[in-house]
PDB file of N, CA and C in Angstrom:
ATOM      1  N   MET A   1     -74.737   6.379 -17.683  1.00  0.00           N
ATOM      2  CA  MET A   1     -74.308   5.441 -18.689  1.00  0.00           C
ATOM      3  C   MET A   1     -73.057   5.900 -19.420  1.00  0.00           C
ATOM      4  N   SER A   2     -72.664   7.130 -19.207  1.00  0.00           N
ATOM      5  CA  SER A   2     -71.506   7.632 -19.938  1.00  0.00           C
ATOM      6  C   SER A   2     -70.214   6.941 -19.521  1.00  0.00           C
ATOM      7  N   ASP A   3     -70.232   6.229 -18.382  1.00  0.00           N
ATOM      8  CA  ASP A   3     -69.032   5.527 -17.934  1.00  0.00           C
ATOM      9  C   ASP A   3     -68.879   4.148 -18.578  1.00  0.00           C
ATOM     10  N   LEU A   4     -69.871   3.707 -19.307  1.00  0.00           N
ATOM     11  CA  LEU A   4     -69.830   2.406 -19.956  1.00  0.00           C
ATOM     12  C   LEU A   4     -69.045   2.525 -21.256  1.00  0.00           C
ATOM     13  N   ARG A   5     -67.810   2.042 -21.221  1.00  0.00           N
ATOM     14  CA  ARG A   5     -66.950   2.132 -22.392  1.00  0.00           C
ATOM     15  C   ARG A   5     -66.224   0.811 -22.575  1.00  0.00           C
ATOM     16  N   ALA A   6     -66.084   0.413 -23.789  1.00  0.00           N
ATOM     17  CA  ALA A   6     -65.313  -0.781 -24.126  1.00  0.00           C
ATOM     18  C   ALA A   6     -64.039  -0.323 -24.820  1.00  0.00           C
ATOM     19  N   ASN A   7     -62.931  -0.470 -24.139  1.00  0.00           N
ATOM     20  CA  ASN A   7     -61.655  -0.088 -24.729  1.00  0.00           C
ATOM     21  C   ASN A   7     -61.172  -1.254 -25.588  1.00  0.00           C
ATOM     22  N   THR A   8     -61.760  -1.363 -26.766  1.00  0.00           N
ATOM     23  CA  THR A   8     -61.458  -2.502 -27.627  1.00  0.00           C
ATOM     24  C   THR A   8     -60.034  -2.487 -28.153  1.00  0.00           C
ATOM     25  N   GLU A   9     -59.456  -1.331 -28.283  1.00  0.00           N
ATOM     26  CA  GLU A   9     -58.051  -1.273 -28.723  1.00  0.00           C
ATOM     27  C   GLU A   9     -57.143  -1.934 -27.682  1.00  0.00           C
ATOM     28  N   ALA A  10     -57.395  -1.643 -26.406  1.00  0.00           N
ATOM     29  CA  ALA A  10     -56.602  -2.261 -25.336  1.00  0.00           C
ATOM     30  C   ALA A  10     -56.848  -3.767 -25.290  1.00  0.00           C
ATOM     31  N   ILE A  11     -58.102  -4.153 -25.488  1.00  0.00           N
ATOM     32  CA  ILE A  11     -58.440  -5.580 -25.492  1.00  0.00           C
ATOM     33  C   ILE A  11     -57.730  -6.280 -26.639  1.00  0.00           C
ATOM     34  N   ARG A  12     -57.816  -5.719 -27.825  1.00  0.00           N
ATOM     35  CA  ARG A  12     -57.169  -6.344 -28.989  1.00  0.00           C
ATOM     36  C   ARG A  12     -55.659  -6.360 -28.843  1.00  0.00           C
ATOM     37  N   SER A  13     -55.103  -5.307 -28.271  1.00  0.00           N
ATOM     38  CA  SER A  13     -53.655  -5.266 -28.048  1.00  0.00           C
ATOM     39  C   SER A  13     -53.213  -6.356 -27.072  1.00  0.00           C
ATOM     40  N   ALA A  14     -53.968  -6.516 -25.992  1.00  0.00           N
ATOM     41  CA  ALA A  14     -53.645  -7.559 -25.008  1.00  0.00           C
ATOM     42  C   ALA A  14     -53.785  -8.946 -25.630  1.00  0.00           C
ATOM     43  N   LEU A  15     -54.833  -9.142 -26.420  1.00  0.00           N
ATOM     44  CA  LEU A  15     -55.020 -10.430 -27.088  1.00  0.00           C
ATOM     45  C   LEU A  15     -53.900 -10.706 -28.081  1.00  0.00           C
ATOM     46  N   HIS A  16     -53.477  -9.684 -28.805  1.00  0.00           N
ATOM     47  CA  HIS A  16     -52.380  -9.840 -29.760  1.00  0.00           C
ATOM     48  C   HIS A  16     -51.093 -10.247 -29.040  1.00  0.00           C
ATOM     49  N   SER A  17     -50.801  -9.584 -27.930  1.00  0.00           N
ATOM     50  CA  SER A  17     -49.594  -9.921 -27.157  1.00  0.00           C
ATOM     51  C   SER A  17     -49.661 -11.345 -26.616  1.00  0.00           C
ATOM     52  N   ALA A  18     -50.814 -11.702 -26.076  1.00  0.00           N
ATOM     53  CA  ALA A  18     -50.979 -13.059 -25.537  1.00  0.00           C
ATOM     54  C   ALA A  18     -50.861 -14.085 -26.650  1.00  0.00           C
ATOM     55  N   ARG A  19     -51.408 -13.786 -27.819  1.00  0.00           N
ATOM     56  CA  ARG A  19     -51.330 -14.720 -28.941  1.00  0.00           C
ATOM     57  C   ARG A  19     -49.884 -14.904 -29.383  1.00  0.00           C
ATOM     58  N   GLN A  20     -49.126 -13.827 -29.412  1.00  0.00           N
ATOM     59  CA  GLN A  20     -47.713 -13.932 -29.794  1.00  0.00           C
ATOM     60  C   GLN A  20     -46.945 -14.826 -28.817  1.00  0.00           C
ATOM     61  N   GLU A  21     -47.250 -14.699 -27.534  1.00  0.00           N
ATOM     62  CA  GLU A  21     -46.591 -15.544 -26.536  1.00  0.00           C
ATOM     63  C   GLU A  21     -46.939 -17.017 -26.758  1.00  0.00           C
ATOM     64  N   ILE A  22     -48.196 -17.289 -27.024  1.00  0.00           N
ATOM     65  CA  ILE A  22     -48.619 -18.671 -27.259  1.00  0.00           C
ATOM     66  C   ILE A  22     -47.997 -19.203 -28.553  1.00  0.00           C
ATOM     67  N   GLU A  23     -47.942 -18.373 -29.580  1.00  0.00           N
ATOM     68  CA  GLU A  23     -47.299 -18.796 -30.834  1.00  0.00           C
ATOM     69  C   GLU A  23     -45.833 -19.154 -30.595  1.00  0.00           C
ATOM     70  N   ALA A  24     -45.142 -18.341 -29.809  1.00  0.00           N
ATOM     71  CA  ALA A  24     -43.736 -18.620 -29.499  1.00  0.00           C
ATOM     72  C   ALA A  24     -43.602 -19.936 -28.723  1.00  0.00           C
ATOM     73  N   MET A  25     -44.510 -20.156 -27.784  1.00  0.00           N
ATOM     74  CA  MET A  25     -44.497 -21.413 -27.034  1.00  0.00           C
ATOM     75  C   MET A  25     -44.757 -22.591 -27.967  1.00  0.00           C
ATOM     76  N   ARG A  26     -45.648 -22.403 -28.923  1.00  0.00           N
ATOM     77  CA  ARG A  26     -45.992 -23.463 -29.880  1.00  0.00           C
ATOM     78  C   ARG A  26     -44.791 -23.813 -30.746  1.00  0.00           C
ATOM     79  N   VAL A  27     -44.116 -22.794 -31.247  1.00  0.00           N
ATOM     80  CA  VAL A  27     -42.925 -23.021 -32.081  1.00  0.00           C
ATOM     81  C   VAL A  27     -41.836 -23.706 -31.262  1.00  0.00           C
ATOM     82  N   GLU A  28     -41.633 -23.218 -30.049  1.00  0.00           N
ATOM     83  CA  GLU A  28     -40.624 -23.812 -29.167  1.00  0.00           C
ATOM     84  C   GLU A  28     -40.966 -25.275 -28.869  1.00  0.00           C
ATOM     85  N   GLY A  29     -42.218 -25.522 -28.547  1.00  0.00           N
ATOM     86  CA  GLY A  29     -42.636 -26.883 -28.227  1.00  0.00           C
ATOM     87  C   GLY A  29     -42.541 -27.819 -29.411  1.00  0.00           C
ATOM     88  N   GLN A  30     -42.900 -27.323 -30.575  1.00  0.00           N
ATOM     89  CA  GLN A  30     -42.848 -28.157 -31.767  1.00  0.00           C
ATOM     90  C   GLN A  30     -41.399 -28.520 -32.108  1.00  0.00           C
ATOM     91  N   GLY A  31     -40.497 -27.606 -31.858  1.00  0.00           N
ATOM     92  CA  GLY A  31     -39.092 -27.849 -32.180  1.00  0.00           C
ATOM     93  C   GLY A  31     -38.360 -28.677 -31.144  1.00  0.00           C
ATOM     94  N   HIS A  32     -39.006 -28.945 -30.014  1.00  0.00           N
ATOM     95  CA  HIS A  32     -38.342 -29.678 -28.939  1.00  0.00           C
ATOM     96  C   HIS A  32     -39.191 -30.845 -28.453  1.00  0.00           C
ATOM     97  N   ALA A  33     -39.485 -31.739 -29.363  1.00  0.00           N
ATOM     98  CA  ALA A  33     -40.232 -32.936 -28.984  1.00  0.00           C
ATOM     99  C   ALA A  33     -39.357 -33.787 -28.067  1.00  0.00           C
ATOM    100  N   PRO A  34     -39.979 -34.455 -27.104  1.00  0.00           N
ATOM    101  CA  PRO A  34     -39.178 -35.291 -26.196  1.00  0.00           C
ATOM    102  C   PRO A  34     -38.496 -36.424 -26.964  1.00  0.00           C
ATOM    103  N   GLN A  35     -37.260 -36.637 -26.649  1.00  0.00           N
ATOM    104  CA  GLN A  35     -36.479 -37.681 -27.298  1.00  0.00           C
ATOM    105  C   GLN A  35     -36.062 -38.707 -26.254  1.00  0.00           C
ATOM    106  N   LEU A  36     -36.680 -39.850 -26.299  1.00  0.00           N
ATOM    107  CA  LEU A  36     -36.319 -40.927 -25.386  1.00  0.00           C
ATOM    108  C   LEU A  36     -36.147 -42.188 -26.212  1.00  0.00           C
ATOM    109  N   ARG A  37     -34.934 -42.673 -26.229  1.00  0.00           N
ATOM    110  CA  ARG A  37     -34.672 -43.942 -26.908  1.00  0.00           C
ATOM    111  C   ARG A  37     -35.000 -45.063 -25.928  1.00  0.00           C
ATOM    112  N   VAL A  38     -35.507 -46.130 -26.453  1.00  0.00           N
ATOM    113  CA  VAL A  38     -35.860 -47.271 -25.609  1.00  0.00           C
ATOM    114  C   VAL A  38     -34.637 -47.729 -24.818  1.00  0.00           C
ATOM    115  N   SER A  39     -33.486 -47.638 -25.439  1.00  0.00           N
ATOM    116  CA  SER A  39     -32.256 -48.082 -24.762  1.00  0.00           C
ATOM    117  C   SER A  39     -31.873 -47.177 -23.589  1.00  0.00           C
ATOM    118  N   ASP A  40     -32.432 -45.962 -23.538  1.00  0.00           N
ATOM    119  CA  ASP A  40     -32.131 -45.045 -22.437  1.00  0.00           C
ATOM    120  C   ASP A  40     -32.657 -45.552 -21.096  1.00  0.00           C
ATOM    121  N   THR A  41     -33.617 -46.455 -21.138  1.00  0.00           N
ATOM    122  CA  THR A  41     -34.197 -46.952 -19.887  1.00  0.00           C
ATOM    123  C   THR A  41     -33.394 -48.099 -19.285  1.00  0.00           C
ATOM    124  N   GLY A  42     -32.407 -48.545 -20.001  1.00  0.00           N
ATOM    125  CA  GLY A  42     -31.515 -49.575 -19.450  1.00  0.00           C
ATOM    126  C   GLY A  42     -31.850 -50.971 -19.943  1.00  0.00           C
ATOM    127  N   GLN A  43     -30.859 -51.815 -19.800  1.00  0.00           N
ATOM    128  CA  GLN A  43     -30.985 -53.199 -20.248  1.00  0.00           C
ATOM    129  C   GLN A  43     -32.093 -53.905 -19.450  1.00  0.00           C
ATOM    130  N   GLY A  44     -32.938 -54.619 -20.173  1.00  0.00           N
ATOM    131  CA  GLY A  44     -34.015 -55.344 -19.527  1.00  0.00           C
ATOM    132  C   GLY A  44     -35.280 -54.524 -19.323  1.00  0.00           C
ATOM    133  N   PHE A  45     -35.265 -53.280 -19.748  1.00  0.00           N
ATOM    134  CA  PHE A  45     -36.432 -52.411 -19.560  1.00  0.00           C
ATOM    135  C   PHE A  45     -36.961 -51.874 -20.887  1.00  0.00           C
ATOM    136  N   ALA A  46     -36.793 -52.654 -21.943  1.00  0.00           N
ATOM    137  CA  ALA A  46     -37.215 -52.210 -23.277  1.00  0.00           C
ATOM    138  C   ALA A  46     -38.726 -51.959 -23.332  1.00  0.00           C
ATOM    139  N   GLU A  47     -39.497 -52.845 -22.745  1.00  0.00           N
ATOM    140  CA  GLU A  47     -40.953 -52.676 -22.778  1.00  0.00           C
ATOM    141  C   GLU A  47     -41.369 -51.399 -22.044  1.00  0.00           C
ATOM    142  N   GLN A  48     -40.804 -51.178 -20.880  1.00  0.00           N
ATOM    143  CA  GLN A  48     -41.118 -49.968 -20.115  1.00  0.00           C
ATOM    144  C   GLN A  48     -40.634 -48.721 -20.862  1.00  0.00           C
ATOM    145  N   GLY A  49     -39.471 -48.831 -21.483  1.00  0.00           N
ATOM    146  CA  GLY A  49     -38.938 -47.711 -22.264  1.00  0.00           C
ATOM    147  C   GLY A  49     -39.840 -47.353 -23.424  1.00  0.00           C
ATOM    148  N   GLN A  50     -40.378 -48.377 -24.091  1.00  0.00           N
ATOM    149  CA  GLN A  50     -41.292 -48.140 -25.210  1.00  0.00           C
ATOM    150  C   GLN A  50     -42.559 -47.450 -24.738  1.00  0.00           C
ATOM    151  N   ARG A  51     -43.108 -47.917 -23.623  1.00  0.00           N
ATOM    152  CA  ARG A  51     -44.322 -47.297 -23.073  1.00  0.00           C
ATOM    153  C   ARG A  51     -44.049 -45.863 -22.632  1.00  0.00           C
ATOM    154  N   LEU A  52     -42.912 -45.640 -22.011  1.00  0.00           N
ATOM    155  CA  LEU A  52     -42.554 -44.295 -21.565  1.00  0.00           C
ATOM    156  C   LEU A  52     -42.367 -43.358 -22.754  1.00  0.00           C
ATOM    157  N   ALA A  53     -41.680 -43.830 -23.788  1.00  0.00           N
ATOM    158  CA  ALA A  53     -41.478 -43.008 -24.984  1.00  0.00           C
ATOM    159  C   ALA A  53     -42.818 -42.675 -25.641  1.00  0.00           C
ATOM    160  N   SER A  54     -43.710 -43.655 -25.692  1.00  0.00           N
ATOM    161  CA  SER A  54     -45.037 -43.434 -26.269  1.00  0.00           C
ATOM    162  C   SER A  54     -45.826 -42.430 -25.440  1.00  0.00           C
ATOM    163  N   SER A  55     -45.760 -42.564 -24.129  1.00  0.00           N
ATOM    164  CA  SER A  55     -46.476 -41.632 -23.247  1.00  0.00           C
ATOM    165  C   SER A  55     -45.953 -40.213 -23.393  1.00  0.00           C
ATOM    166  N   LEU A  56     -44.645 -40.060 -23.451  1.00  0.00           N
ATOM    167  CA  LEU A  56     -44.058 -38.726 -23.627  1.00  0.00           C
ATOM    168  C   LEU A  56     -44.508 -38.104 -24.942  1.00  0.00           C
ATOM    169  N   SER A  57     -44.564 -38.910 -25.972  1.00  0.00           N
ATOM    170  CA  SER A  57     -44.995 -38.421 -27.282  1.00  0.00           C
ATOM    171  C   SER A  57     -46.455 -37.967 -27.234  1.00  0.00           C
ATOM    172  N   LYS A  58     -47.299 -38.733 -26.551  1.00  0.00           N
ATOM    173  CA  LYS A  58     -48.717 -38.367 -26.433  1.00  0.00           C
ATOM    174  C   LYS A  58     -48.895 -37.088 -25.622  1.00  0.00           C
ATOM    175  N   VAL A  59     -48.141 -36.951 -24.534  1.00  0.00           N
ATOM    176  CA  VAL A  59     -48.225 -35.732 -23.719  1.00  0.00           C
ATOM    177  C   VAL A  59     -47.796 -34.523 -24.545  1.00  0.00           C
ATOM    178  N   HIS A  60     -46.745 -34.687 -25.321  1.00  0.00           N
ATOM    179  CA  HIS A  60     -46.243 -33.599 -26.157  1.00  0.00           C
ATOM    180  C   HIS A  60     -47.278 -33.208 -27.214  1.00  0.00           C
ATOM    181  N   ALA A  61     -47.866 -34.183 -27.877  1.00  0.00           N
ATOM    182  CA  ALA A  61     -48.887 -33.898 -28.887  1.00  0.00           C
ATOM    183  C   ALA A  61     -50.094 -33.216 -28.251  1.00  0.00           C
ATOM    184  N   SER A  62     -50.473 -33.640 -27.066  1.00  0.00           N
ATOM    185  CA  SER A  62     -51.598 -33.035 -26.355  1.00  0.00           C
ATOM    186  C   SER A  62     -51.296 -31.582 -25.995  1.00  0.00           C
ATOM    187  N   MET A  63     -50.079 -31.319 -25.572  1.00  0.00           N
ATOM    188  CA  MET A  63     -49.677 -29.949 -25.233  1.00  0.00           C
ATOM    189  C   MET A  63     -49.748 -29.049 -26.466  1.00  0.00           C
ATOM    190  N   LEU A  64     -49.279 -29.550 -27.605  1.00  0.00           N
ATOM    191  CA  LEU A  64     -49.341 -28.768 -28.839  1.00  0.00           C
ATOM    192  C   LEU A  64     -50.793 -28.509 -29.243  1.00  0.00           C
ATOM    193  N   GLN A  65     -51.649 -29.496 -29.066  1.00  0.00           N
ATOM    194  CA  GLN A  65     -53.068 -29.328 -29.394  1.00  0.00           C
ATOM    195  C   GLN A  65     -53.715 -28.280 -28.487  1.00  0.00           C
ATOM    196  N   ARG A  66     -53.372 -28.291 -27.206  1.00  0.00           N
ATOM    197  CA  ARG A  66     -53.923 -27.283 -26.287  1.00  0.00           C
ATOM    198  C   ARG A  66     -53.468 -25.890 -26.690  1.00  0.00           C
ATOM    199  N   LEU A  67     -52.221 -25.747 -27.107  1.00  0.00           N
ATOM    200  CA  LEU A  67     -51.732 -24.440 -27.556  1.00  0.00           C
ATOM    201  C   LEU A  67     -52.464 -24.014 -28.832  1.00  0.00           C
ATOM    202  N   ASP A  68     -52.691 -24.953 -29.749  1.00  0.00           N
ATOM    203  CA  ASP A  68     -53.455 -24.639 -30.961  1.00  0.00           C
ATOM    204  C   ASP A  68     -54.861 -24.173 -30.602  1.00  0.00           C
ATOM    205  N   ASN A  69     -55.481 -24.841 -29.636  1.00  0.00           N
ATOM    206  CA  ASN A  69     -56.822 -24.447 -29.196  1.00  0.00           C
ATOM    207  C   ASN A  69     -56.811 -23.032 -28.624  1.00  0.00           C
ATOM    208  N   ARG A  70     -55.785 -22.707 -27.863  1.00  0.00           N
ATOM    209  CA  ARG A  70     -55.691 -21.351 -27.302  1.00  0.00           C
ATOM    210  C   ARG A  70     -55.548 -20.320 -28.413  1.00  0.00           C
ATOM    211  N   LEU A  71     -54.769 -20.629 -29.445  1.00  0.00           N
ATOM    212  CA  LEU A  71     -54.620 -19.703 -30.568  1.00  0.00           C
ATOM    213  C   LEU A  71     -55.965 -19.480 -31.254  1.00  0.00           C
ATOM    214  N   THR A  72     -56.725 -20.544 -31.429  1.00  0.00           N
ATOM    215  CA  THR A  72     -58.053 -20.431 -32.030  1.00  0.00           C
ATOM    216  C   THR A  72     -58.950 -19.553 -31.168  1.00  0.00           C
ATOM    217  N   HIS A  73     -58.893 -19.739 -29.858  1.00  0.00           N
ATOM    218  CA  HIS A  73     -59.713 -18.931 -28.953  1.00  0.00           C
ATOM    219  C   HIS A  73     -59.303 -17.459 -28.992  1.00  0.00           C
ATOM    220  N   PHE A  74     -58.001 -17.194 -29.032  1.00  0.00           N
ATOM    221  CA  PHE A  74     -57.549 -15.806 -29.119  1.00  0.00           C
ATOM    222  C   PHE A  74     -58.047 -15.160 -30.406  1.00  0.00           C
ATOM    223  N   ASP A  75     -58.029 -15.906 -31.512  1.00  0.00           N
ATOM    224  CA  ASP A  75     -58.536 -15.364 -32.781  1.00  0.00           C
ATOM    225  C   ASP A  75     -60.019 -15.040 -32.680  1.00  0.00           C
ATOM    226  N   ALA A  76     -60.777 -15.934 -32.045  1.00  0.00           N
ATOM    227  CA  ALA A  76     -62.221 -15.695 -31.885  1.00  0.00           C
ATOM    228  C   ALA A  76     -62.478 -14.472 -31.009  1.00  0.00           C
ATOM    229  N   LEU A  77     -61.730 -14.345 -29.916  1.00  0.00           N
ATOM    230  CA  LEU A  77     -61.900 -13.194 -29.029  1.00  0.00           C
ATOM    231  C   LEU A  77     -61.522 -11.901 -29.736  1.00  0.00           C
ATOM    232  N   HIS A  78     -60.478 -11.941 -30.537  1.00  0.00           N
ATOM    233  CA  HIS A  78     -60.054 -10.759 -31.286  1.00  0.00           C
ATOM    234  C   HIS A  78     -61.156 -10.341 -32.257  1.00  0.00           C
ATOM    235  N   SER A  79     -61.753 -11.317 -32.912  1.00  0.00           N
ATOM    236  CA  SER A  79     -62.851 -11.040 -33.835  1.00  0.00           C
ATOM    237  C   SER A  79     -64.043 -10.420 -33.104  1.00  0.00           C
ATOM    238  N   LEU A  80     -64.370 -10.949 -31.936  1.00  0.00           N
ATOM    239  CA  LEU A  80     -65.472 -10.391 -31.146  1.00  0.00           C
ATOM    240  C   LEU A  80     -65.171  -8.960 -30.704  1.00  0.00           C
ATOM    241  N   ALA A  81     -63.939  -8.708 -30.304  1.00  0.00           N
ATOM    242  CA  ALA A  81     -63.565  -7.348 -29.895  1.00  0.00           C
ATOM    243  C   ALA A  81     -63.695  -6.393 -31.079  1.00  0.00           C
ATOM    244  N   SER A  82     -63.356  -6.860 -32.276  1.00  0.00           N
ATOM    245  CA  SER A  82     -63.511  -6.024 -33.475  1.00  0.00           C
ATOM    246  C   SER A  82     -64.981  -5.738 -33.752  1.00  0.00           C
ATOM    247  N   GLU A  83     -65.822  -6.755 -33.569  1.00  0.00           N
ATOM    248  CA  GLU A  83     -67.262  -6.563 -33.768  1.00  0.00           C
ATOM    249  C   GLU A  83     -67.819  -5.564 -32.754  1.00  0.00           C
ATOM    250  N   ILE A  84     -67.380  -5.657 -31.506  1.00  0.00           N
ATOM    251  CA  ILE A  84     -67.818  -4.712 -30.475  1.00  0.00           C
ATOM    252  C   ILE A  84     -67.406  -3.300 -30.852  1.00  0.00           C
ATOM    253  N   SER A  85     -66.178  -3.162 -31.320  1.00  0.00           N
ATOM    254  CA  SER A  85     -65.681  -1.846 -31.721  1.00  0.00           C
ATOM    255  C   SER A  85     -66.520  -1.274 -32.856  1.00  0.00           C
ATOM    256  N   GLU A  86     -66.828  -2.114 -33.829  1.00  0.00           N
ATOM    257  CA  GLU A  86     -67.630  -1.655 -34.962  1.00  0.00           C
ATOM    258  C   GLU A  86     -69.035  -1.254 -34.504  1.00  0.00           C
ATOM    259  N   GLN A  87     -69.639  -2.069 -33.659  1.00  0.00           N
ATOM    260  CA  GLN A  87     -70.975  -1.747 -33.155  1.00  0.00           C
ATOM    261  C   GLN A  87     -70.950  -0.470 -32.310  1.00  0.00           C
ATOM    262  N   ASP A  88     -69.909  -0.310 -31.513  1.00  0.00           N
ATOM    263  CA  ASP A  88     -69.771   0.895 -30.691  1.00  0.00           C
ATOM    264  C   ASP A  88     -69.681   2.126 -31.582  1.00  0.00           C
ATOM    265  N   HIS A  89     -68.900   2.023 -32.638  1.00  0.00           N
ATOM    266  CA  HIS A  89     -68.747   3.135 -33.581  1.00  0.00           C
ATOM    267  C   HIS A  89     -70.078   3.445 -34.263  1.00  0.00           C
ATOM    268  N   ASN A  90     -70.763   2.397 -34.733  1.00  0.00           N
ATOM    269  CA  ASN A  90     -72.052   2.601 -35.406  1.00  0.00           C
ATOM    270  C   ASN A  90     -73.088   3.211 -34.465  1.00  0.00           C
ATOM    271  N   THR A  91     -73.111   2.763 -33.226  1.00  0.00           N
ATOM    272  CA  THR A  91     -74.052   3.305 -32.239  1.00  0.00           C
ATOM    273  C   THR A  91     -73.740   4.769 -31.958  1.00  0.00           C
ATOM    274  N   ALA A  92     -72.455   5.079 -31.798  1.00  0.00           N
ATOM    275  CA  ALA A  92     -72.060   6.473 -31.533  1.00  0.00           C
ATOM    276  C   ALA A  92     -72.436   7.366 -32.698  1.00  0.00           C
ATOM    277  N   GLU A  93     -72.236   6.878 -33.933  1.00  0.00           N
ATOM    278  CA  GLU A  93     -72.632   7.659 -35.104  1.00  0.00           C
ATOM    279  C   GLU A  93     -74.139   7.893 -35.114  1.00  0.00           C
ATOM    280  N   GLY A  94     -74.877   6.835 -34.801  1.00  0.00           N
ATOM    281  CA  GLY A  94     -76.347   6.940 -34.787  1.00  0.00           C
ATOM    282  C   GLY A  94     -76.820   7.932 -33.742  1.00  0.00           C
ATOM    283  N   LEU A  95     -76.231   7.857 -32.566  1.00  0.00           N
ATOM    284  CA  LEU A  95     -76.623   8.785 -31.502  1.00  0.00           C
ATOM    285  C   LEU A  95     -76.179  10.204 -31.814  1.00  0.00           C
ATOM    286  N   GLY A  96     -75.028  10.340 -32.470  1.00  0.00           N
ATOM    287  CA  GLY A  96     -74.526  11.661 -32.819  1.00  0.00           C
ATOM    288  C   GLY A  96     -75.374  12.362 -33.857  1.00  0.00           C
ATOM    289  N   ALA A  97     -76.155  11.587 -34.595  1.00  0.00           N
ATOM    290  CA  ALA A  97     -77.014  12.172 -35.627  1.00  0.00           C
ATOM    291  C   ALA A  97     -78.249  12.842 -35.034  1.00  0.00           C
ATOM    292  N   HIS A  98     -78.512  12.555 -33.764  1.00  0.00           N
ATOM    293  CA  HIS A  98     -79.685  13.151 -33.099  1.00  0.00           C
ATOM    294  C   HIS A  98     -79.265  14.343 -32.268  1.00  0.00           C
ATOM    295  N   GLU A  99     -80.015  15.403 -32.401  1.00  0.00           N
ATOM    296  CA  GLU A  99     -79.724  16.604 -31.639  1.00  0.00           C
ATOM    297  C   GLU A  99     -80.334  16.460 -30.246  1.00  0.00           C
ATOM    298  N   LEU A 100     -79.500  16.658 -29.254  1.00  0.00           N
ATOM    299  CA  LEU A 100     -79.963  16.585 -27.871  1.00  0.00           C
ATOM    300  C   LEU A 100     -80.299  17.994 -27.389  1.00  0.00           C
ATOM    301  N   ARG A 101     -81.374  18.127 -26.648  1.00  0.00           N
ATOM    302  CA  ARG A 101     -81.772  19.446 -26.150  1.00  0.00           C
ATOM    303  C   ARG A 101     -81.705  19.470 -24.666  1.00  0.00           C
TER     304      ARG A 101
END
């Protein structure tokens, strides 16, 4: 059982790095919403242009929501890794208090 180890520092570090990447993607995405003017679709295609602009806006909002969900998940995983680390420390302290013969 001595090989059973949870390297929570490495886990938290990886989660922190991944979260930073997602945060950067979120900021980038929020600052670059799709811009489609109805007139961009050409004369006689106003209705299609409106639907296309609406669809692009919905896809963009959905993408931002998915990134927000990932950030929430990374926070939850980070919290769990911290709990594992704390439990590991408490268990090691408890076991260290007993003299082995």
